[in-house]
Amino acid sequence: MTEIRIYPAEGTWVVRAEGAVIAETRAAMEVVEGEAPFVIYFPRGDVAMAFLEASDRQSACDQRGAATHYHITSPGGTLKNAALSYEAAPDDFAAIRGYLAFDAGEVTVERV
């Protein structure tokens, strides 16, 4: 099984969907899984949840559990399944429980 490491992400992080800022935080978590690029997770309280709508898509990770996926409404339309959250992540992953990760192919995730 691939090792997953979680760290506090330094600095301020933002998510932009077609130019609109939908998340900004200084409390992001960085998740590193094996040799894959890191992923930034945002606390739900720092995400404009009015732009997100739960999707019917279901997925699971052996280590993190079941994921809830979200569509993002942006100025240019709907970005399908562009965010996800492990709502009930096991205790080993409690640091990201309820946090949201965004598909960097659909939105811009950057440190500012």
N, C-alpha and C. Protein backbone atom coordinates (compact mmCIF):
# COMPACT_ATOMS: atom_id res chain seq x y z
N MET A 1 0.85 -1.18 0.00
CA MET A 1 0.00 0.00 0.00
C MET A 1 0.89 1.25 0.00
N THR A 2 0.54 2.23 -0.79
CA THR A 2 1.31 3.46 -0.91
C THR A 2 1.19 4.29 0.37
N GLU A 3 2.31 4.79 0.83
CA GLU A 3 2.31 5.65 2.02
C GLU A 3 1.70 7.01 1.68
N ILE A 4 0.83 7.49 2.56
CA ILE A 4 0.22 8.81 2.41
C ILE A 4 0.65 9.65 3.60
N ARG A 5 1.22 10.82 3.30
CA ARG A 5 1.67 11.73 4.35
C ARG A 5 0.86 13.01 4.28
N ILE A 6 0.55 13.58 5.45
CA ILE A 6 -0.25 14.80 5.53
C ILE A 6 0.52 15.84 6.34
N TYR A 7 0.62 17.04 5.78
CA TYR A 7 1.33 18.14 6.43
C TYR A 7 0.49 19.41 6.37
N PRO A 8 0.66 20.31 7.33
CA PRO A 8 0.05 21.64 7.16
C PRO A 8 0.74 22.32 5.96
N ALA A 9 -0.03 22.91 5.08
CA ALA A 9 0.52 23.62 3.92
C ALA A 9 0.80 25.06 4.32
N GLU A 10 2.02 25.48 4.14
CA GLU A 10 2.41 26.83 4.54
C GLU A 10 1.84 27.88 3.60
N GLY A 11 1.54 29.04 4.16
CA GLY A 11 1.09 30.17 3.36
C GLY A 11 -0.40 30.19 3.11
N THR A 12 -0.78 31.07 2.20
CA THR A 12 -2.18 31.23 1.81
C THR A 12 -2.40 30.53 0.48
N TRP A 13 -3.46 29.73 0.40
CA TRP A 13 -3.81 28.96 -0.80
C TRP A 13 -5.17 29.40 -1.30
N VAL A 14 -5.33 29.43 -2.62
CA VAL A 14 -6.61 29.79 -3.22
C VAL A 14 -7.00 28.78 -4.29
N VAL A 15 -8.31 28.73 -4.55
CA VAL A 15 -8.86 27.97 -5.67
C VAL A 15 -9.62 28.97 -6.52
N ARG A 16 -9.32 28.96 -7.84
CA ARG A 16 -10.04 29.82 -8.78
C ARG A 16 -10.69 28.93 -9.83
N ALA A 17 -11.97 29.18 -10.06
CA ALA A 17 -12.70 28.51 -11.14
C ALA A 17 -13.03 29.56 -12.18
N GLU A 18 -12.32 29.51 -13.30
CA GLU A 18 -12.50 30.48 -14.38
C GLU A 18 -12.42 31.91 -13.85
N GLY A 19 -11.44 32.16 -12.99
CA GLY A 19 -11.19 33.49 -12.46
C GLY A 19 -11.87 33.81 -11.15
N ALA A 20 -12.97 33.13 -10.83
CA ALA A 20 -13.70 33.39 -9.58
C ALA A 20 -13.02 32.64 -8.43
N VAL A 21 -12.73 33.35 -7.34
CA VAL A 21 -12.13 32.71 -6.17
C VAL A 21 -13.25 31.99 -5.41
N ILE A 22 -13.10 30.68 -5.26
CA ILE A 22 -14.11 29.91 -4.53
C ILE A 22 -13.59 29.36 -3.21
N ALA A 23 -12.28 29.50 -2.98
CA ALA A 23 -11.72 29.09 -1.69
C ALA A 23 -10.43 29.87 -1.45
N GLU A 24 -10.22 30.22 -0.19
CA GLU A 24 -8.98 30.87 0.23
C GLU A 24 -8.74 30.51 1.68
N THR A 25 -7.53 30.05 1.98
CA THR A 25 -7.25 29.62 3.35
C THR A 25 -5.78 29.75 3.70
N ARG A 26 -5.54 29.87 4.99
CA ARG A 26 -4.19 29.77 5.56
C ARG A 26 -4.10 28.48 6.38
N ALA A 27 -5.14 27.63 6.30
CA ALA A 27 -5.20 26.39 7.09
C ALA A 27 -5.29 25.16 6.20
N ALA A 28 -4.67 25.22 5.02
CA ALA A 28 -4.71 24.09 4.09
C ALA A 28 -3.84 22.94 4.60
N MET A 29 -4.15 21.75 4.11
CA MET A 29 -3.35 20.57 4.40
C MET A 29 -2.79 20.04 3.07
N GLU A 30 -1.52 19.65 3.09
CA GLU A 30 -0.86 19.08 1.91
C GLU A 30 -0.82 17.57 2.07
N VAL A 31 -1.31 16.85 1.07
CA VAL A 31 -1.32 15.40 1.09
C VAL A 31 -0.40 14.88 0.00
N VAL A 32 0.55 14.04 0.41
CA VAL A 32 1.51 13.46 -0.52
C VAL A 32 1.32 11.95 -0.50
N GLU A 33 1.05 11.40 -1.69
CA GLU A 33 0.83 9.95 -1.82
C GLU A 33 1.89 9.38 -2.75
N GLY A 34 2.84 8.65 -2.15
CA GLY A 34 3.91 8.05 -2.94
C GLY A 34 4.66 9.08 -3.74
N GLU A 35 4.85 8.81 -5.03
CA GLU A 35 5.57 9.71 -5.93
C GLU A 35 4.64 10.67 -6.67
N ALA A 36 3.34 10.60 -6.42
CA ALA A 36 2.36 11.46 -7.10
C ALA A 36 2.53 12.91 -6.64
N PRO A 37 2.12 13.87 -7.47
CA PRO A 37 2.17 15.28 -7.05
C PRO A 37 1.31 15.49 -5.81
N PHE A 38 1.71 16.43 -4.95
CA PHE A 38 0.94 16.71 -3.75
C PHE A 38 -0.43 17.28 -4.11
N VAL A 39 -1.36 17.13 -3.18
CA VAL A 39 -2.71 17.67 -3.33
C VAL A 39 -3.00 18.55 -2.12
N ILE A 40 -3.59 19.71 -2.35
CA ILE A 40 -3.93 20.63 -1.27
C ILE A 40 -5.40 20.44 -0.91
N TYR A 41 -5.67 20.28 0.38
CA TYR A 41 -7.04 20.14 0.90
C TYR A 41 -7.40 21.41 1.67
N PHE A 42 -8.62 21.90 1.43
CA PHE A 42 -9.10 23.15 2.01
C PHE A 42 -10.16 22.88 3.06
N PRO A 43 -10.09 23.56 4.23
CA PRO A 43 -11.15 23.39 5.22
C PRO A 43 -12.47 23.91 4.66
N ARG A 44 -13.53 23.17 4.91
CA ARG A 44 -14.85 23.51 4.38
C ARG A 44 -15.26 24.93 4.73
N GLY A 45 -14.91 25.43 5.90
CA GLY A 45 -15.28 26.78 6.31
C GLY A 45 -14.64 27.87 5.48
N ASP A 46 -13.59 27.52 4.72
CA ASP A 46 -12.90 28.50 3.87
C ASP A 46 -13.25 28.34 2.39
N VAL A 47 -14.29 27.55 2.11
CA VAL A 47 -14.74 27.31 0.74
C VAL A 47 -16.12 27.92 0.57
N ALA A 48 -16.34 28.62 -0.53
CA ALA A 48 -17.66 29.19 -0.83
C ALA A 48 -18.55 28.04 -1.30
N MET A 49 -19.16 27.35 -0.34
CA MET A 49 -19.93 26.14 -0.64
C MET A 49 -21.14 26.42 -1.53
N ALA A 50 -21.57 27.66 -1.65
CA ALA A 50 -22.69 27.99 -2.53
C ALA A 50 -22.36 27.67 -4.00
N PHE A 51 -21.06 27.57 -4.34
CA PHE A 51 -20.64 27.25 -5.70
C PHE A 51 -20.54 25.74 -5.95
N LEU A 52 -20.69 24.93 -4.89
CA LEU A 52 -20.54 23.49 -5.00
C LEU A 52 -21.88 22.78 -4.83
N GLU A 53 -22.04 21.71 -5.59
CA GLU A 53 -23.25 20.89 -5.49
C GLU A 53 -22.81 19.44 -5.46
N ALA A 54 -23.32 18.68 -4.49
CA ALA A 54 -22.96 17.27 -4.39
C ALA A 54 -23.31 16.54 -5.68
N SER A 55 -22.42 15.65 -6.08
CA SER A 55 -22.57 14.85 -7.30
C SER A 55 -23.08 13.46 -6.94
N ASP A 56 -23.55 12.73 -7.93
CA ASP A 56 -23.94 11.33 -7.73
C ASP A 56 -22.73 10.39 -7.79
N ARG A 57 -21.60 10.90 -8.23
CA ARG A 57 -20.40 10.06 -8.37
C ARG A 57 -19.96 9.54 -7.01
N GLN A 58 -19.56 8.27 -6.99
CA GLN A 58 -19.05 7.65 -5.78
C GLN A 58 -17.68 7.06 -6.07
N SER A 59 -16.79 7.19 -5.12
CA SER A 59 -15.48 6.57 -5.22
C SER A 59 -14.98 6.28 -3.81
N ALA A 60 -13.94 5.48 -3.74
CA ALA A 60 -13.38 5.14 -2.43
C ALA A 60 -11.89 4.93 -2.56
N CYS A 61 -11.21 5.18 -1.48
CA CYS A 61 -9.78 4.94 -1.34
C CYS A 61 -9.63 3.93 -0.21
N ASP A 62 -8.80 2.92 -0.41
CA ASP A 62 -8.62 1.90 0.63
C ASP A 62 -8.21 2.51 1.96
N GLN A 63 -7.43 3.59 1.92
CA GLN A 63 -6.92 4.19 3.15
C GLN A 63 -7.80 5.33 3.68
N ARG A 64 -8.34 6.16 2.78
CA ARG A 64 -9.09 7.34 3.20
C ARG A 64 -10.60 7.12 3.29
N GLY A 65 -11.10 6.05 2.71
CA GLY A 65 -12.54 5.76 2.78
C GLY A 65 -13.31 6.29 1.58
N ALA A 66 -14.62 6.46 1.78
CA ALA A 66 -15.52 6.90 0.71
C ALA A 66 -15.39 8.40 0.48
N ALA A 67 -15.46 8.78 -0.79
CA ALA A 67 -15.35 10.20 -1.16
C ALA A 67 -16.68 10.71 -1.68
N THR A 68 -17.03 11.92 -1.25
CA THR A 68 -18.16 12.65 -1.79
C THR A 68 -17.61 13.59 -2.85
N HIS A 69 -18.17 13.56 -4.05
CA HIS A 69 -17.71 14.42 -5.14
C HIS A 69 -18.67 15.59 -5.31
N TYR A 70 -18.14 16.69 -5.85
CA TYR A 70 -18.93 17.92 -6.03
C TYR A 70 -18.71 18.50 -7.42
N HIS A 71 -19.78 19.04 -8.00
CA HIS A 71 -19.69 19.86 -9.19
C HIS A 71 -19.46 21.29 -8.71
N ILE A 72 -18.77 22.09 -9.51
CA ILE A 72 -18.53 23.49 -9.20
C ILE A 72 -19.23 24.34 -10.24
N THR A 73 -20.03 25.29 -9.79
CA THR A 73 -20.66 26.24 -10.69
C THR A 73 -19.71 27.42 -10.83
N SER A 74 -19.28 27.67 -12.07
CA SER A 74 -18.33 28.75 -12.32
C SER A 74 -18.95 29.72 -13.31
N PRO A 75 -18.30 30.86 -13.54
CA PRO A 75 -18.84 31.84 -14.50
C PRO A 75 -19.09 31.24 -15.89
N GLY A 76 -18.31 30.24 -16.27
CA GLY A 76 -18.44 29.66 -17.59
C GLY A 76 -19.33 28.43 -17.66
N GLY A 77 -19.88 27.99 -16.54
CA GLY A 77 -20.73 26.80 -16.54
C GLY A 77 -20.40 25.90 -15.37
N THR A 78 -20.76 24.64 -15.51
CA THR A 78 -20.56 23.67 -14.43
C THR A 78 -19.34 22.81 -14.70
N LEU A 79 -18.48 22.70 -13.71
CA LEU A 79 -17.30 21.84 -13.78
C LEU A 79 -17.66 20.55 -13.05
N LYS A 80 -17.86 19.48 -13.79
CA LYS A 80 -18.35 18.22 -13.24
C LYS A 80 -17.29 17.53 -12.38
N ASN A 81 -17.71 17.12 -11.19
CA ASN A 81 -16.86 16.33 -10.28
C ASN A 81 -15.48 16.95 -10.08
N ALA A 82 -15.44 18.25 -9.90
CA ALA A 82 -14.17 18.97 -9.81
C ALA A 82 -13.64 19.11 -8.39
N ALA A 83 -14.37 18.57 -7.41
CA ALA A 83 -13.91 18.60 -6.02
C ALA A 83 -14.35 17.32 -5.33
N LEU A 84 -13.64 16.98 -4.26
CA LEU A 84 -14.05 15.81 -3.47
C LEU A 84 -13.70 16.01 -2.03
N SER A 85 -14.36 15.22 -1.18
CA SER A 85 -14.14 15.29 0.26
C SER A 85 -14.31 13.92 0.87
N TYR A 86 -13.46 13.59 1.82
CA TYR A 86 -13.60 12.35 2.59
C TYR A 86 -14.29 12.73 3.90
N GLU A 87 -15.61 12.66 3.88
CA GLU A 87 -16.43 13.13 5.01
C GLU A 87 -16.20 12.32 6.28
N ALA A 88 -15.96 11.03 6.11
CA ALA A 88 -15.81 10.14 7.27
C ALA A 88 -14.47 9.43 7.22
N ALA A 89 -13.42 10.17 6.88
CA ALA A 89 -12.09 9.57 6.81
C ALA A 89 -11.74 8.91 8.14
N PRO A 90 -11.04 7.78 8.10
CA PRO A 90 -10.66 7.11 9.35
C PRO A 90 -9.71 7.98 10.18
N ASP A 91 -9.51 7.59 11.41
CA ASP A 91 -8.70 8.40 12.34
C ASP A 91 -7.30 8.72 11.82
N ASP A 92 -6.69 7.80 11.06
CA ASP A 92 -5.36 8.07 10.52
C ASP A 92 -5.35 9.27 9.57
N PHE A 93 -6.54 9.63 9.06
CA PHE A 93 -6.66 10.73 8.11
C PHE A 93 -7.60 11.82 8.64
N ALA A 94 -7.73 11.89 9.95
CA ALA A 94 -8.62 12.87 10.57
C ALA A 94 -8.25 14.30 10.19
N ALA A 95 -6.99 14.56 9.86
CA ALA A 95 -6.54 15.91 9.51
C ALA A 95 -7.22 16.45 8.25
N ILE A 96 -7.73 15.55 7.38
CA ILE A 96 -8.41 16.01 6.17
C ILE A 96 -9.90 15.65 6.17
N ARG A 97 -10.38 15.12 7.26
CA ARG A 97 -11.80 14.75 7.34
C ARG A 97 -12.67 15.98 7.10
N GLY A 98 -13.52 15.90 6.08
CA GLY A 98 -14.41 17.02 5.77
C GLY A 98 -13.76 18.13 4.95
N TYR A 99 -12.45 18.08 4.75
CA TYR A 99 -11.77 19.06 3.91
C TYR A 99 -12.09 18.76 2.45
N LEU A 100 -11.85 19.71 1.56
CA LEU A 100 -12.11 19.53 0.14
C LEU A 100 -10.83 19.65 -0.67
N ALA A 101 -10.67 18.74 -1.63
CA ALA A 101 -9.58 18.80 -2.60
C ALA A 101 -10.20 19.11 -3.95
N PHE A 102 -9.47 19.81 -4.78
CA PHE A 102 -9.98 20.26 -6.07
C PHE A 102 -9.15 19.69 -7.20
N ASP A 103 -9.79 19.39 -8.32
CA ASP A 103 -9.13 18.84 -9.50
C ASP A 103 -8.35 19.97 -10.18
N ALA A 104 -7.04 19.89 -10.09
CA ALA A 104 -6.19 20.95 -10.65
C ALA A 104 -6.26 21.00 -12.18
N GLY A 105 -6.85 20.01 -12.81
CA GLY A 105 -7.08 20.05 -14.24
C GLY A 105 -8.31 20.87 -14.61
N GLU A 106 -9.18 21.11 -13.63
CA GLU A 106 -10.43 21.85 -13.85
C GLU A 106 -10.38 23.27 -13.29
N VAL A 107 -9.67 23.46 -12.19
CA VAL A 107 -9.57 24.75 -11.52
C VAL A 107 -8.10 25.06 -11.26
N THR A 108 -7.84 26.28 -10.83
CA THR A 108 -6.48 26.68 -10.47
C THR A 108 -6.35 26.61 -8.96
N VAL A 109 -5.38 25.85 -8.49
CA VAL A 109 -5.07 25.75 -7.07
C VAL A 109 -3.65 26.29 -6.92
N GLU A 110 -3.50 27.38 -6.14
CA GLU A 110 -2.16 27.97 -6.04
C GLU A 110 -1.93 28.63 -4.70
N ARG A 111 -0.65 28.71 -4.38
CA ARG A 111 -0.23 29.45 -3.19
C ARG A 111 0.00 30.89 -3.61
N VAL A 112 -0.55 31.82 -2.83
CA VAL A 112 -0.40 33.25 -3.17
C VAL A 112 0.41 33.97 -2.11
